[in-house]
Amino acid sequence: MLPIVKGFIAFLLFTLNVIFWGIFVIILSPFRAIPFIKKFILFLATSWIQVNVLIFKKIIKSDVQIIGLDSIKLSQNSSYLITCNHQSWVDIFFLQMIFLRRVPFLRFFLKKELIWVPILGLCWQALDFPFMKRYSKDDIKKRPSLAGKDLETTRKFCEKFKDIPISVVNFAEGTRFTKKKHLEKGSPFQNLLSPKAGGLSFVLGTLGQYIDQILDVTIIYKGDQFTFLSFMQGKIEQVSIYIKAIDVKSELIGDYQKDPEYKKNMQFFLNEVWSQKDKIIQSHIF
């Protein structure tokens, strides 16, 4: 099948899938405070992801190698903090695919502007995805009260899930990797941007005693075409995904804003995790 034909069919099916499940989620959204409705919305969202995976397997058919998953005992009744390198929107699809029905439904931190995406924005809101508004240094300088607003959003989000199993995804690099950003930011890693420990630390500080494990995921695409368009056209021929479980020890829980020693230790911890990721990517040969 020609890539352009495959891409058109995949796009059409993904779009119809969004509309079909999304409409039901949006209709039920005003009643999501009712426990039964909330569970049913999660069932609809999980079914939505399941059909996306089916479309991928039947139409797109990229070769996906998953390393390390079988050695980790996962449960939908446990809570996880998932950290992953970030290169493309496609990362989210593969995270949803590999953890589908293995862990609680994944939640991502989203840019506030994404709430306006047709259908999806309302669905993310119905599913309690946290929307983050990032402020520039100039904005904060003009209005100091804006400092820490994203961390406050994180705290409010975490408070909702103290008694409910959850999987929180944190892209610690804060943005998608490109060679240009890598050069401009002067990253010490060969294949990654420098990770930011704030978001991950704040989730651990709020939910740490409820998080069963940190799941460290490294996604490696063959070649340099890994946009969503190239994904739908089947141009991502091979994907390797490495997964490692990290126990949540007491030293990983603290106050990132008020404890300088904890902040320093968390930055060191995350840089060590990223160093190992970098070695995996660098040594990987397709």
Protein backbone atom coordinates (compact mmCIF):
# COMPACT_ATOMS: atom_id res chain seq x y z
CA MET A 1 0.00 0.00 0.00
CA LEU A 2 1.37 3.43 -0.93
CA PRO A 3 2.31 5.56 2.10
CA ILE A 4 -0.08 8.37 1.09
CA VAL A 5 -2.98 5.89 0.79
CA LYS A 6 -2.08 4.24 4.09
CA GLY A 7 -1.85 7.66 5.73
CA PHE A 8 -5.27 8.72 4.41
CA ILE A 9 -6.96 5.52 5.59
CA ALA A 10 -5.28 5.68 9.01
CA PHE A 11 -6.18 9.38 9.43
CA LEU A 12 -9.79 8.72 8.45
CA LEU A 13 -10.13 5.79 10.86
CA PHE A 14 -8.43 7.63 13.75
CA THR A 15 -10.71 10.64 13.15
CA LEU A 16 -13.88 8.53 13.07
CA ASN A 17 -12.71 6.78 16.23
CA VAL A 18 -12.19 10.13 18.01
CA ILE A 19 -15.67 11.30 16.99
CA PHE A 20 -17.44 8.05 17.93
CA TRP A 21 -16.02 7.65 21.44
CA GLY A 22 -15.46 11.36 22.06
CA ILE A 23 -19.13 12.27 21.61
CA PHE A 24 -20.17 9.79 24.33
CA VAL A 25 -17.46 11.05 26.70
CA ILE A 26 -18.52 14.68 26.17
CA ILE A 27 -22.22 13.88 26.70
CA LEU A 28 -21.45 12.15 30.01
CA SER A 29 -18.89 14.73 31.15
CA PRO A 30 -21.34 16.95 33.14
CA PHE A 31 -22.23 13.91 35.27
CA ARG A 32 -18.69 12.65 35.89
CA ALA A 33 -18.91 13.41 39.63
CA ILE A 34 -21.16 10.33 39.89
CA PRO A 35 -18.81 7.36 40.57
CA PHE A 36 -20.57 5.00 38.13
CA ILE A 37 -20.47 7.58 35.33
CA LYS A 38 -16.81 8.31 36.03
CA LYS A 39 -15.97 4.60 35.67
CA PHE A 40 -18.03 4.36 32.49
CA ILE A 41 -16.19 7.35 30.98
CA LEU A 42 -12.88 5.58 31.71
CA PHE A 43 -14.27 2.43 30.06
CA LEU A 44 -15.16 4.46 26.96
CA ALA A 45 -11.71 6.09 26.88
CA THR A 46 -9.98 2.72 27.27
CA SER A 47 -12.08 1.28 24.43
CA TRP A 48 -11.13 4.30 22.32
CA ILE A 49 -7.42 3.55 22.85
CA GLN A 50 -8.02 -0.15 22.16
CA VAL A 51 -9.51 0.66 18.72
CA ASN A 52 -6.57 3.04 18.01
CA VAL A 53 -4.21 0.13 18.68
CA LEU A 54 -6.26 -2.11 16.38
CA ILE A 55 -6.02 0.49 13.58
CA PHE A 56 -2.26 0.63 14.14
CA LYS A 57 -1.85 -3.15 13.95
CA LYS A 58 -4.07 -3.62 10.90
CA ILE A 59 -3.13 -0.55 8.82
CA ILE A 60 0.15 1.03 9.96
CA LYS A 61 2.01 -2.12 11.05
CA SER A 62 5.29 -0.65 12.36
CA ASP A 63 7.61 -3.16 14.01
CA VAL A 64 7.54 -2.50 17.76
CA GLN A 65 10.07 -4.11 20.11
CA ILE A 66 9.31 -3.79 23.82
CA ILE A 67 12.17 -4.63 26.20
CA GLY A 68 11.73 -5.02 29.95
CA LEU A 69 7.95 -4.98 30.24
CA ASP A 70 7.56 -8.71 30.94
CA SER A 71 9.87 -8.53 33.95
CA ILE A 72 7.73 -5.87 35.70
CA LYS A 73 4.62 -6.82 37.65
CA LEU A 74 1.99 -4.20 36.81
CA SER A 75 -1.55 -3.76 38.09
CA GLN A 76 -4.52 -1.51 37.35
CA ASN A 77 -4.99 -1.25 41.12
CA SER A 78 -1.57 0.33 41.67
CA SER A 79 -0.33 3.87 40.96
CA TYR A 80 2.61 4.78 38.72
CA LEU A 81 4.68 7.79 37.74
CA ILE A 82 5.91 7.31 34.18
CA THR A 83 8.82 9.34 32.86
CA CYS A 84 9.83 9.22 29.21
CA ASN A 85 12.01 10.96 26.64
CA HIS A 86 9.94 13.11 24.28
CA GLN A 87 10.37 13.38 20.52
CA SER A 88 6.90 13.45 19.00
CA TRP A 89 3.16 13.23 19.63
CA VAL A 90 3.66 9.62 18.54
CA ASP A 91 5.29 8.98 21.94
CA ILE A 92 1.86 9.30 23.55
CA PHE A 93 0.35 6.69 21.23
CA PHE A 94 3.05 4.14 22.06
CA LEU A 95 2.81 4.80 25.81
CA GLN A 96 -0.95 4.26 25.63
CA MET A 97 -0.46 1.09 23.61
CA ILE A 98 2.12 -0.63 25.80
CA PHE A 99 0.41 0.21 29.10
CA LEU A 100 -3.18 -0.33 27.93
CA ARG A 101 -5.12 -2.32 30.55
CA ARG A 102 -1.85 -3.01 32.40
CA VAL A 103 -1.91 0.15 34.54
CA PRO A 104 -4.57 2.77 35.37
CA PHE A 105 -5.57 5.04 32.48
CA LEU A 106 -2.68 7.37 31.61
CA ARG A 107 -2.91 11.09 32.35
CA PHE A 108 -0.60 13.64 30.75
CA PHE A 109 0.22 17.24 31.59
CA LEU A 110 -1.07 19.28 28.66
CA LYS A 111 -0.50 22.83 27.48
CA LYS A 112 -3.53 24.99 28.31
CA GLU A 113 -3.99 25.92 24.65
CA LEU A 114 -4.83 22.29 23.82
CA ILE A 115 -8.16 22.58 25.61
CA TRP A 116 -9.43 24.25 22.40
CA VAL A 117 -8.68 21.22 20.20
CA PRO A 118 -12.06 20.09 18.82
CA ILE A 119 -13.58 17.13 20.70
CA LEU A 120 -10.23 16.10 22.21
CA GLY A 121 -9.99 19.17 24.46
CA LEU A 122 -13.36 18.47 26.07
CA CYS A 123 -12.52 14.76 26.39
CA TRP A 124 -9.20 15.50 28.13
CA GLN A 125 -11.07 17.80 30.49
CA ALA A 126 -13.69 15.10 31.19
CA LEU A 127 -10.89 12.64 31.95
CA ASP A 128 -9.26 15.02 34.48
CA PHE A 129 -6.13 15.73 32.45
CA PRO A 130 -4.23 18.68 34.01
CA PHE A 131 -3.82 21.72 31.75
CA MET A 132 -0.67 23.74 32.37
CA LYS A 133 -0.11 27.37 31.41
CA ARG A 134 3.57 28.17 31.04
CA TYR A 135 4.71 31.73 31.73
CA SER A 136 7.81 33.36 30.29
CA LYS A 137 10.49 34.90 32.49
CA ASP A 138 9.27 38.33 31.38
CA ASP A 139 5.69 37.50 32.43
CA ILE A 140 6.88 36.37 35.87
CA LYS A 141 9.08 39.44 36.22
CA LYS A 142 6.08 41.67 35.56
CA ARG A 143 3.77 39.60 37.75
CA PRO A 144 5.73 37.65 40.41
CA SER A 145 2.49 35.99 41.57
CA LEU A 146 2.60 33.85 38.40
CA ALA A 147 5.73 32.02 39.65
CA GLY A 148 4.87 28.47 40.68
CA LYS A 149 1.39 28.49 39.08
CA ASP A 150 2.18 25.32 37.12
CA LEU A 151 3.26 23.57 40.33
CA GLU A 152 0.02 24.67 42.01
CA THR A 153 -1.92 23.12 39.10
CA THR A 154 0.08 19.92 39.62
CA ARG A 155 -0.75 19.90 43.34
CA LYS A 156 -4.49 20.32 42.72
CA PHE A 157 -4.40 17.56 40.12
CA CYS A 158 -2.57 15.18 42.46
CA GLU A 159 -4.96 15.85 45.34
CA LYS A 160 -7.79 14.28 43.29
CA PHE A 161 -6.00 10.96 43.06
CA LYS A 162 -4.79 10.26 46.58
CA ASP A 163 -7.39 7.51 47.00
CA ILE A 164 -7.69 6.38 43.38
CA PRO A 165 -5.10 4.38 41.36
CA ILE A 166 -3.51 6.59 38.72
CA SER A 167 -0.76 6.65 36.11
CA VAL A 168 0.85 10.07 35.65
CA VAL A 169 3.10 10.65 32.62
CA ASN A 170 5.85 13.24 32.95
CA PHE A 171 7.99 14.29 29.97
CA ALA A 172 10.83 15.68 32.05
CA GLU A 173 12.53 17.40 29.11
CA GLY A 174 9.57 19.78 29.01
CA THR A 175 9.46 19.90 25.21
CA ARG A 176 10.02 17.66 22.22
CA PHE A 177 13.61 16.87 21.27
CA THR A 178 15.01 18.39 18.07
CA LYS A 179 18.60 18.77 16.97
CA LYS A 180 18.13 22.55 16.97
CA LYS A 181 16.86 22.63 20.58
CA HIS A 182 19.64 20.23 21.59
CA LEU A 183 22.24 22.63 20.22
CA GLU A 184 20.61 25.82 21.54
CA LYS A 185 20.11 24.49 25.07
CA GLY A 186 23.61 23.04 25.31
CA SER A 187 22.42 19.67 26.61
CA PRO A 188 25.15 17.52 28.21
CA PHE A 189 23.50 14.41 26.71
CA GLN A 190 24.09 13.20 23.16
CA ASN A 191 20.51 12.24 22.35
CA LEU A 192 18.37 14.01 24.94
CA LEU A 193 17.54 17.44 26.28
CA SER A 194 18.34 18.13 29.93
CA PRO A 195 15.51 16.93 32.22
CA LYS A 196 13.68 19.26 34.58
CA ALA A 197 13.12 17.75 38.00
CA GLY A 198 10.40 20.15 39.20
CA GLY A 199 7.30 18.46 37.80
CA LEU A 200 8.36 14.94 38.68
CA SER A 201 9.43 16.03 42.18
CA PHE A 202 6.15 17.81 42.82
CA VAL A 203 4.12 14.73 41.85
CA LEU A 204 6.28 12.64 44.19
CA GLY A 205 6.00 15.27 46.92
CA THR A 206 2.20 15.17 46.75
CA LEU A 207 1.50 11.57 45.75
CA GLY A 208 4.78 9.86 46.67
CA GLN A 209 3.36 7.66 49.42
CA TYR A 210 0.67 6.47 46.99
CA ILE A 211 2.96 5.85 44.00
CA ASP A 212 3.99 2.19 43.81
CA GLN A 213 6.73 2.55 41.19
CA ILE A 214 8.36 4.95 38.78
CA LEU A 215 8.37 3.49 35.26
CA ASP A 216 11.26 4.83 33.20
CA VAL A 217 10.52 4.52 29.46
CA THR A 218 12.98 5.12 26.63
CA ILE A 219 11.53 5.29 23.11
CA ILE A 220 13.86 4.96 20.11
CA TYR A 221 12.64 5.43 16.52
CA LYS A 222 14.46 4.05 13.52
CA GLY A 223 15.50 6.91 11.26
CA ASP A 224 14.65 10.57 11.67
CA GLN A 225 11.01 10.56 10.52
CA PHE A 226 8.78 10.27 13.57
CA THR A 227 6.13 12.93 13.07
CA PHE A 228 2.48 11.91 13.40
CA LEU A 229 2.12 12.14 9.61
CA SER A 230 5.05 9.80 8.98
CA PHE A 231 3.64 7.50 11.69
CA MET A 232 0.26 7.22 9.93
CA GLN A 233 1.96 6.61 6.58
CA GLY A 234 3.90 3.69 8.04
CA LYS A 235 7.25 5.42 7.55
CA ILE A 236 8.34 4.64 11.11
CA GLU A 237 9.50 1.15 10.28
CA GLN A 238 10.77 0.15 13.70
CA VAL A 239 10.37 1.34 17.27
CA SER A 240 12.31 0.04 20.28
CA ILE A 241 10.89 0.75 23.73
CA TYR A 242 12.90 0.07 26.89
CA ILE A 243 11.09 -0.01 30.25
CA LYS A 244 12.65 -0.06 33.70
CA ALA A 245 10.94 0.03 37.10
CA ILE A 246 12.37 2.24 39.86
CA ASP A 247 11.24 1.86 43.47
CA VAL A 248 9.96 5.00 45.17
CA LYS A 249 12.34 5.31 48.12
CA SER A 250 11.82 7.78 50.94
CA GLU A 251 14.64 10.05 49.71
CA LEU A 252 12.66 10.67 46.49
CA ILE A 253 9.84 12.33 48.45
CA GLY A 254 10.30 15.87 49.70
CA ASP A 255 9.64 19.57 49.21
CA TYR A 256 11.29 20.67 45.97
CA GLN A 257 10.50 24.35 46.54
CA LYS A 258 11.60 24.71 50.16
CA ASP A 259 14.32 22.08 50.63
CA PRO A 260 17.53 22.96 48.70
CA GLU A 261 19.19 19.64 49.57
CA TYR A 262 16.21 17.64 48.29
CA LYS A 263 16.14 19.75 45.12
CA LYS A 264 19.82 19.05 44.53
CA ASN A 265 19.37 15.31 45.14
CA MET A 266 16.38 15.09 42.78
CA GLN A 267 18.25 16.87 40.03
CA PHE A 268 21.15 14.44 40.51
CA PHE A 269 18.76 11.45 40.51
CA LEU A 270 17.02 12.52 37.30
CA ASN A 271 20.29 13.29 35.56
CA GLU A 272 21.48 9.78 36.42
CA VAL A 273 18.28 8.32 34.93
CA TRP A 274 18.81 10.44 31.82
CA SER A 275 22.45 9.39 31.59
CA GLN A 276 21.38 5.75 31.45
CA LYS A 277 18.75 6.60 28.82
CA ASP A 278 21.37 8.35 26.74
CA LYS A 279 23.61 5.27 26.85
CA ILE A 280 20.73 3.03 25.75
CA ILE A 281 19.94 5.29 22.79
CA GLN A 282 23.59 5.75 21.85
CA SER A 283 24.36 2.03 21.90
CA HIS A 284 21.20 1.04 20.10
CA ILE A 285 21.88 -0.31 16.60
CA PHE A 286 19.06 -0.96 14.15
